Amino acid sequence: MKPKRFSSLAAFLEYCAALRRASSPSDEERTTLAAMEQVLGILTPDERASLDDATTSAAARRGERARRKLARELAARGLLED
């Protein structure tokens, strides 16, 4: 299953977080989350961790680089609206 298109990277990340928090996800939600996790798989573990870490300016810069990398991947896969 291909995940739906998102209006922004922030929308993608928030939807992914919401699916992770779901207490009883449906089969469709689990499939969607798996597809989203596959996209996130292009990031290294450090890059993934940096998405939410802005404790220092260096961490914020790493997070911004990770977000740009992820946005390019989403655009390449046609998952971001134009």
PDB file of N, CA and C in Angstrom:
ATOM      1  N   MET A   1       0.847  -1.183   0.000  1.00  0.00           N
ATOM      2  CA  MET A   1       0.000   0.000   0.000  1.00  0.00           C
ATOM      3  C   MET A   1       0.887   1.239   0.000  1.00  0.00           C
ATOM      4  N   LYS A   2       0.543   2.177  -0.819  1.00  0.00           N
ATOM      5  CA  LYS A   2       1.281   3.430  -0.889  1.00  0.00           C
ATOM      6  C   LYS A   2       0.628   4.439   0.057  1.00  0.00           C
ATOM      7  N   PRO A   3       1.432   5.086   0.910  1.00  0.00           N
ATOM      8  CA  PRO A   3       0.827   6.089   1.791  1.00  0.00           C
ATOM      9  C   PRO A   3       0.215   7.225   0.985  1.00  0.00           C
ATOM     10  N   LYS A   4      -0.717   7.933   1.596  1.00  0.00           N
ATOM     11  CA  LYS A   4      -1.348   9.059   0.903  1.00  0.00           C
ATOM     12  C   LYS A   4      -0.350  10.187   0.737  1.00  0.00           C
ATOM     13  N   ARG A   5      -0.737  11.173  -0.061  1.00  0.00           N
ATOM     14  CA  ARG A   5       0.114  12.349  -0.268  1.00  0.00           C
ATOM     15  C   ARG A   5      -0.111  13.318   0.895  1.00  0.00           C
ATOM     16  N   PHE A   6       0.940  14.037   1.238  1.00  0.00           N
ATOM     17  CA  PHE A   6       0.889  14.953   2.368  1.00  0.00           C
ATOM     18  C   PHE A   6       1.162  16.372   1.898  1.00  0.00           C
ATOM     19  N   SER A   7       0.565  17.329   2.587  1.00  0.00           N
ATOM     20  CA  SER A   7       0.729  18.731   2.220  1.00  0.00           C
ATOM     21  C   SER A   7       2.098  19.265   2.616  1.00  0.00           C
ATOM     22  N   SER A   8       2.743  18.618   3.584  1.00  0.00           N
ATOM     23  CA  SER A   8       4.048  19.080   4.033  1.00  0.00           C
ATOM     24  C   SER A   8       4.770  17.957   4.773  1.00  0.00           C
ATOM     25  N   LEU A   9       6.043  18.168   5.002  1.00  0.00           N
ATOM     26  CA  LEU A   9       6.810  17.218   5.798  1.00  0.00           C
ATOM     27  C   LEU A   9       6.257  17.159   7.216  1.00  0.00           C
ATOM     28  N   ALA A  10       5.889  18.316   7.761  1.00  0.00           N
ATOM     29  CA  ALA A  10       5.328  18.351   9.112  1.00  0.00           C
ATOM     30  C   ALA A  10       4.059  17.499   9.199  1.00  0.00           C
ATOM     31  N   ALA A  11       3.223  17.557   8.164  1.00  0.00           N
ATOM     32  CA  ALA A  11       2.000  16.752   8.145  1.00  0.00           C
ATOM     33  C   ALA A  11       2.337  15.266   8.120  1.00  0.00           C
ATOM     34  N   PHE A  12       3.341  14.890   7.333  1.00  0.00           N
ATOM     35  CA  PHE A  12       3.782  13.494   7.274  1.00  0.00           C
ATOM     36  C   PHE A  12       4.247  13.032   8.645  1.00  0.00           C
ATOM     37  N   LEU A  13       5.113  13.820   9.277  1.00  0.00           N
ATOM     38  CA  LEU A  13       5.659  13.425  10.580  1.00  0.00           C
ATOM     39  C   LEU A  13       4.574  13.359  11.656  1.00  0.00           C
ATOM     40  N   GLU A  14       3.633  14.297  11.637  1.00  0.00           N
ATOM     41  CA  GLU A  14       2.559  14.291  12.635  1.00  0.00           C
ATOM     42  C   GLU A  14       1.642  13.088  12.438  1.00  0.00           C
ATOM     43  N   TYR A  15       1.317  12.780  11.195  1.00  0.00           N
ATOM     44  CA  TYR A  15       0.457  11.623  10.930  1.00  0.00           C
ATOM     45  C   TYR A  15       1.156  10.334  11.360  1.00  0.00           C
ATOM     46  N   CYS A  16       2.441  10.248  11.087  1.00  0.00           N
ATOM     47  CA  CYS A  16       3.218   9.080  11.497  1.00  0.00           C
ATOM     48  C   CYS A  16       3.199   8.951  13.027  1.00  0.00           C
ATOM     49  N   ALA A  17       3.397  10.063  13.715  1.00  0.00           N
ATOM     50  CA  ALA A  17       3.382  10.049  15.181  1.00  0.00           C
ATOM     51  C   ALA A  17       2.003   9.647  15.702  1.00  0.00           C
ATOM     52  N   ALA A  18       0.957  10.137  15.066  1.00  0.00           N
ATOM     53  CA  ALA A  18      -0.401   9.787  15.482  1.00  0.00           C
ATOM     54  C   ALA A  18      -0.655   8.289  15.305  1.00  0.00           C
ATOM     55  N   LEU A  19      -0.192   7.731  14.204  1.00  0.00           N
ATOM     56  CA  LEU A  19      -0.366   6.295  13.988  1.00  0.00           C
ATOM     57  C   LEU A  19       0.415   5.490  15.026  1.00  0.00           C
ATOM     58  N   ARG A  20       1.589   5.957  15.394  1.00  0.00           N
ATOM     59  CA  ARG A  20       2.374   5.261  16.424  1.00  0.00           C
ATOM     60  C   ARG A  20       1.669   5.285  17.772  1.00  0.00           C
ATOM     61  N   ARG A  21       0.961   6.383  18.056  1.00  0.00           N
ATOM     62  CA  ARG A  21       0.269   6.524  19.345  1.00  0.00           C
ATOM     63  C   ARG A  21      -1.050   5.768  19.403  1.00  0.00           C
ATOM     64  N   ALA A  22      -1.567   5.359  18.264  1.00  0.00           N
ATOM     65  CA  ALA A  22      -2.876   4.695  18.225  1.00  0.00           C
ATOM     66  C   ALA A  22      -2.867   3.447  19.106  1.00  0.00           C
ATOM     67  N   SER A  23      -3.836   3.355  19.987  1.00  0.00           N
ATOM     68  CA  SER A  23      -3.869   2.216  20.911  1.00  0.00           C
ATOM     69  C   SER A  23      -4.364   0.940  20.242  1.00  0.00           C
ATOM     70  N   SER A  24      -5.271   1.059  19.309  1.00  0.00           N
ATOM     71  CA  SER A  24      -5.794  -0.110  18.595  1.00  0.00           C
ATOM     72  C   SER A  24      -5.868   0.200  17.102  1.00  0.00           C
ATOM     73  N   PRO A  25      -4.724   0.256  16.434  1.00  0.00           N
ATOM     74  CA  PRO A  25      -4.758   0.617  15.012  1.00  0.00           C
ATOM     75  C   PRO A  25      -5.444  -0.458  14.168  1.00  0.00           C
ATOM     76  N   SER A  26      -6.117   0.002  13.130  1.00  0.00           N
ATOM     77  CA  SER A  26      -6.750  -0.920  12.187  1.00  0.00           C
ATOM     78  C   SER A  26      -5.665  -1.544  11.315  1.00  0.00           C
ATOM     79  N   ASP A  27      -6.043  -2.547  10.550  1.00  0.00           N
ATOM     80  CA  ASP A  27      -5.087  -3.168   9.622  1.00  0.00           C
ATOM     81  C   ASP A  27      -4.565  -2.132   8.625  1.00  0.00           C
ATOM     82  N   GLU A  28      -5.446  -1.284   8.138  1.00  0.00           N
ATOM     83  CA  GLU A  28      -5.045  -0.246   7.182  1.00  0.00           C
ATOM     84  C   GLU A  28      -4.046   0.720   7.825  1.00  0.00           C
ATOM     85  N   GLU A  29      -4.299   1.101   9.068  1.00  0.00           N
ATOM     86  CA  GLU A  29      -3.385   2.005   9.763  1.00  0.00           C
ATOM     87  C   GLU A  29      -2.023   1.349   9.992  1.00  0.00           C
ATOM     88  N   ARG A  30      -2.017   0.082  10.340  1.00  0.00           N
ATOM     89  CA  ARG A  30      -0.743  -0.630  10.523  1.00  0.00           C
ATOM     90  C   ARG A  30       0.022  -0.715   9.205  1.00  0.00           C
ATOM     91  N   THR A  31      -0.681  -0.960   8.116  1.00  0.00           N
ATOM     92  CA  THR A  31      -0.057  -1.030   6.802  1.00  0.00           C
ATOM     93  C   THR A  31       0.498   0.333   6.401  1.00  0.00           C
ATOM     94  N   THR A  32      -0.283   1.377   6.646  1.00  0.00           N
ATOM     95  CA  THR A  32       0.167   2.734   6.333  1.00  0.00           C
ATOM     96  C   THR A  32       1.397   3.090   7.147  1.00  0.00           C
ATOM     97  N   LEU A  33       1.376   2.775   8.443  1.00  0.00           N
ATOM     98  CA  LEU A  33       2.527   3.071   9.297  1.00  0.00           C
ATOM     99  C   LEU A  33       3.760   2.305   8.824  1.00  0.00           C
ATOM    100  N   ALA A  34       3.602   1.066   8.425  1.00  0.00           N
ATOM    101  CA  ALA A  34       4.737   0.286   7.924  1.00  0.00           C
ATOM    102  C   ALA A  34       5.329   0.934   6.673  1.00  0.00           C
ATOM    103  N   ALA A  35       4.478   1.432   5.788  1.00  0.00           N
ATOM    104  CA  ALA A  35       4.950   2.098   4.575  1.00  0.00           C
ATOM    105  C   ALA A  35       5.664   3.402   4.929  1.00  0.00           C
ATOM    106  N   MET A  36       5.153   4.117   5.909  1.00  0.00           N
ATOM    107  CA  MET A  36       5.779   5.363   6.335  1.00  0.00           C
ATOM    108  C   MET A  36       7.126   5.079   6.999  1.00  0.00           C
ATOM    109  N   GLU A  37       7.184   4.028   7.789  1.00  0.00           N
ATOM    110  CA  GLU A  37       8.446   3.647   8.439  1.00  0.00           C
ATOM    111  C   GLU A  37       9.490   3.258   7.391  1.00  0.00           C
ATOM    112  N   GLN A  38       9.032   2.657   6.302  1.00  0.00           N
ATOM    113  CA  GLN A  38       9.947   2.299   5.219  1.00  0.00           C
ATOM    114  C   GLN A  38      10.574   3.565   4.624  1.00  0.00           C
ATOM    115  N   VAL A  39       9.770   4.598   4.435  1.00  0.00           N
ATOM    116  CA  VAL A  39      10.298   5.866   3.932  1.00  0.00           C
ATOM    117  C   VAL A  39      11.292   6.443   4.940  1.00  0.00           C
ATOM    118  N   LEU A  40      10.940   6.407   6.211  1.00  0.00           N
ATOM    119  CA  LEU A  40      11.831   6.921   7.247  1.00  0.00           C
ATOM    120  C   LEU A  40      13.126   6.114   7.334  1.00  0.00           C
ATOM    121  N   GLY A  41      13.118   4.925   6.777  1.00  0.00           N
ATOM    122  CA  GLY A  41      14.289   4.063   6.790  1.00  0.00           C
ATOM    123  C   GLY A  41      15.479   4.624   6.027  1.00  0.00           C
ATOM    124  N   ILE A  42      15.270   5.661   5.229  1.00  0.00           N
ATOM    125  CA  ILE A  42      16.399   6.281   4.523  1.00  0.00           C
ATOM    126  C   ILE A  42      17.283   7.068   5.485  1.00  0.00           C
ATOM    127  N   LEU A  43      16.729   7.392   6.653  1.00  0.00           N
ATOM    128  CA  LEU A  43      17.479   8.143   7.653  1.00  0.00           C
ATOM    129  C   LEU A  43      18.265   7.195   8.549  1.00  0.00           C
ATOM    130  N   THR A  44      19.432   7.630   8.969  1.00  0.00           N
ATOM    131  CA  THR A  44      20.203   6.853   9.939  1.00  0.00           C
ATOM    132  C   THR A  44      19.504   6.965  11.294  1.00  0.00           C
ATOM    133  N   PRO A  45      19.821   6.078  12.234  1.00  0.00           N
ATOM    134  CA  PRO A  45      19.221   6.202  13.576  1.00  0.00           C
ATOM    135  C   PRO A  45      19.484   7.580  14.203  1.00  0.00           C
ATOM    136  N   ASP A  46      20.691   8.109  14.011  1.00  0.00           N
ATOM    137  CA  ASP A  46      20.997   9.444  14.553  1.00  0.00           C
ATOM    138  C   ASP A  46      20.151  10.523  13.891  1.00  0.00           C
ATOM    139  N   GLU A  47      19.952  10.405  12.580  1.00  0.00           N
ATOM    140  CA  GLU A  47      19.121  11.383  11.881  1.00  0.00           C
ATOM    141  C   GLU A  47      17.682  11.299  12.355  1.00  0.00           C
ATOM    142  N   ARG A  48      17.178  10.092  12.550  1.00  0.00           N
ATOM    143  CA  ARG A  48      15.797   9.944  13.046  1.00  0.00           C
ATOM    144  C   ARG A  48      15.649  10.551  14.424  1.00  0.00           C
ATOM    145  N   ALA A  49      16.631  10.299  15.285  1.00  0.00           N
ATOM    146  CA  ALA A  49      16.576  10.855  16.635  1.00  0.00           C
ATOM    147  C   ALA A  49      16.633  12.381  16.602  1.00  0.00           C
ATOM    148  N   SER A  50      17.357  12.927  15.646  1.00  0.00           N
ATOM    149  CA  SER A  50      17.516  14.377  15.574  1.00  0.00           C
ATOM    150  C   SER A  50      16.254  15.095  15.116  1.00  0.00           C
ATOM    151  N   LEU A  51      15.306  14.387  14.541  1.00  0.00           N
ATOM    152  CA  LEU A  51      14.077  15.036  14.080  1.00  0.00           C
ATOM    153  C   LEU A  51      13.344  15.730  15.220  1.00  0.00           C
ATOM    154  N   ASP A  52      13.434  15.178  16.412  1.00  0.00           N
ATOM    155  CA  ASP A  52      12.715  15.731  17.564  1.00  0.00           C
ATOM    156  C   ASP A  52      13.636  16.396  18.573  1.00  0.00           C
ATOM    157  N   ASP A  53      14.934  16.447  18.299  1.00  0.00           N
ATOM    158  CA  ASP A  53      15.893  16.965  19.265  1.00  0.00           C
ATOM    159  C   ASP A  53      16.355  18.351  18.859  1.00  0.00           C
ATOM    160  N   ALA A  54      15.994  19.343  19.643  1.00  0.00           N
ATOM    161  CA  ALA A  54      16.460  20.702  19.393  1.00  0.00           C
ATOM    162  C   ALA A  54      17.074  21.268  20.670  1.00  0.00           C
ATOM    163  N   THR A  55      17.706  20.393  21.464  1.00  0.00           N
ATOM    164  CA  THR A  55      18.244  20.818  22.749  1.00  0.00           C
ATOM    165  C   THR A  55      19.457  21.728  22.602  1.00  0.00           C
ATOM    166  N   THR A  56      20.177  21.592  21.516  1.00  0.00           N
ATOM    167  CA  THR A  56      21.322  22.466  21.247  1.00  0.00           C
ATOM    168  C   THR A  56      21.230  22.953  19.816  1.00  0.00           C
ATOM    169  N   SER A  57      22.016  23.962  19.504  1.00  0.00           N
ATOM    170  CA  SER A  57      21.990  24.463  18.128  1.00  0.00           C
ATOM    171  C   SER A  57      22.530  23.408  17.164  1.00  0.00           C
ATOM    172  N   ALA A  58      23.507  22.608  17.606  1.00  0.00           N
ATOM    173  CA  ALA A  58      24.037  21.544  16.748  1.00  0.00           C
ATOM    174  C   ALA A  58      22.962  20.494  16.482  1.00  0.00           C
ATOM    175  N   ALA A  59      22.210  20.135  17.515  1.00  0.00           N
ATOM    176  CA  ALA A  59      21.132  19.154  17.350  1.00  0.00           C
ATOM    177  C   ALA A  59      20.055  19.700  16.427  1.00  0.00           C
ATOM    178  N   ALA A  60      19.758  20.977  16.564  1.00  0.00           N
ATOM    179  CA  ALA A  60      18.753  21.597  15.696  1.00  0.00           C
ATOM    180  C   ALA A  60      19.215  21.566  14.237  1.00  0.00           C
ATOM    181  N   ARG A  61      20.496  21.825  13.995  1.00  0.00           N
ATOM    182  CA  ARG A  61      21.026  21.781  12.621  1.00  0.00           C
ATOM    183  C   ARG A  61      20.963  20.359  12.057  1.00  0.00           C
ATOM    184  N   ARG A  62      21.318  19.362  12.875  1.00  0.00           N
ATOM    185  CA  ARG A  62      21.226  17.960  12.422  1.00  0.00           C
ATOM    186  C   ARG A  62      19.781  17.616  12.084  1.00  0.00           C
ATOM    187  N   GLY A  63      18.854  18.065  12.921  1.00  0.00           N
ATOM    188  CA  GLY A  63      17.442  17.812  12.669  1.00  0.00           C
ATOM    189  C   GLY A  63      16.969  18.459  11.386  1.00  0.00           C
ATOM    190  N   GLU A  64      17.429  19.673  11.135  1.00  0.00           N
ATOM    191  CA  GLU A  64      17.040  20.369   9.903  1.00  0.00           C
ATOM    192  C   GLU A  64      17.589  19.642   8.679  1.00  0.00           C
ATOM    193  N   ARG A  65      18.829  19.171   8.745  1.00  0.00           N
ATOM    194  CA  ARG A  65      19.391  18.405   7.627  1.00  0.00           C
ATOM    195  C   ARG A  65      18.598  17.118   7.410  1.00  0.00           C
ATOM    196  N   ALA A  66      18.218  16.452   8.495  1.00  0.00           N
ATOM    197  CA  ALA A  66      17.439  15.214   8.377  1.00  0.00           C
ATOM    198  C   ALA A  66      16.071  15.511   7.759  1.00  0.00           C
ATOM    199  N   ARG A  67      15.441  16.614   8.162  1.00  0.00           N
ATOM    200  CA  ARG A  67      14.141  16.978   7.586  1.00  0.00           C
ATOM    201  C   ARG A  67      14.265  17.284   6.090  1.00  0.00           C
ATOM    202  N   ARG A  68      15.332  17.979   5.690  1.00  0.00           N
ATOM    203  CA  ARG A  68      15.524  18.256   4.252  1.00  0.00           C
ATOM    204  C   ARG A  68      15.717  16.958   3.478  1.00  0.00           C
ATOM    205  N   LYS A  69      16.519  16.051   4.014  1.00  0.00           N
ATOM    206  CA  LYS A  69      16.752  14.753   3.360  1.00  0.00           C
ATOM    207  C   LYS A  69      15.440  13.990   3.214  1.00  0.00           C
ATOM    208  N   LEU A  70      14.649  13.976   4.276  1.00  0.00           N
ATOM    209  CA  LEU A  70      13.374  13.271   4.246  1.00  0.00           C
ATOM    210  C   LEU A  70      12.404  13.945   3.275  1.00  0.00           C
ATOM    211  N   ALA A  71      12.370  15.262   3.255  1.00  0.00           N
ATOM    212  CA  ALA A  71      11.477  15.977   2.333  1.00  0.00           C
ATOM    213  C   ALA A  71      11.843  15.666   0.882  1.00  0.00           C
ATOM    214  N   ARG A  72      13.141  15.616   0.582  1.00  0.00           N
ATOM    215  CA  ARG A  72      13.562  15.269  -0.789  1.00  0.00           C
ATOM    216  C   ARG A  72      13.084  13.858  -1.146  1.00  0.00           C
ATOM    217  N   GLU A  73      13.203  12.931  -0.196  1.00  0.00           N
ATOM    218  CA  GLU A  73      12.768  11.552  -0.457  1.00  0.00           C
ATOM    219  C   GLU A  73      11.260  11.484  -0.664  1.00  0.00           C
ATOM    220  N   LEU A  74      10.506  12.183   0.158  1.00  0.00           N
ATOM    221  CA  LEU A  74       9.047  12.194  -0.003  1.00  0.00           C
ATOM    222  C   LEU A  74       8.658  12.784  -1.355  1.00  0.00           C
ATOM    223  N   ALA A  75       9.321  13.854  -1.743  1.00  0.00           N
ATOM    224  CA  ALA A  75       9.033  14.473  -3.050  1.00  0.00           C
ATOM    225  C   ALA A  75       9.381  13.510  -4.181  1.00  0.00           C
ATOM    226  N   ALA A  76      10.515  12.841  -4.072  1.00  0.00           N
ATOM    227  CA  ALA A  76      10.935  11.889  -5.115  1.00  0.00           C
ATOM    228  C   ALA A  76       9.945  10.736  -5.251  1.00  0.00           C
ATOM    229  N   ARG A  77       9.339  10.363  -4.146  1.00  0.00           N
ATOM    230  CA  ARG A  77       8.357   9.268  -4.174  1.00  0.00           C
ATOM    231  C   ARG A  77       6.943   9.758  -4.495  1.00  0.00           C
ATOM    232  N   GLY A  78       6.788  11.040  -4.714  1.00  0.00           N
ATOM    233  CA  GLY A  78       5.461  11.586  -5.043  1.00  0.00           C
ATOM    234  C   GLY A  78       4.524  11.634  -3.856  1.00  0.00           C
ATOM    235  N   LEU A  79       5.069  11.736  -2.650  1.00  0.00           N
ATOM    236  CA  LEU A  79       4.237  11.716  -1.455  1.00  0.00           C
ATOM    237  C   LEU A  79       3.975  13.104  -0.880  1.00  0.00           C
ATOM    238  N   LEU A  80       4.575  14.142  -1.481  1.00  0.00           N
ATOM    239  CA  LEU A  80       4.300  15.510  -1.072  1.00  0.00           C
ATOM    240  C   LEU A  80       3.517  16.197  -2.180  1.00  0.00           C
ATOM    241  N   GLU A  81       2.483  16.926  -1.783  1.00  0.00           N
ATOM    242  CA  GLU A  81       1.711  17.675  -2.765  1.00  0.00           C
ATOM    243  C   GLU A  81       2.565  18.804  -3.316  1.00  0.00           C
ATOM    244  N   ASP A  82       2.330  19.134  -4.563  1.00  0.00           N
ATOM    245  CA  ASP A  82       3.090  20.222  -5.198  1.00  0.00           C
ATOM    246  C   ASP A  82       2.625  21.570  -4.742  1.00  0.00           C
TER     247      ASP A  82
END
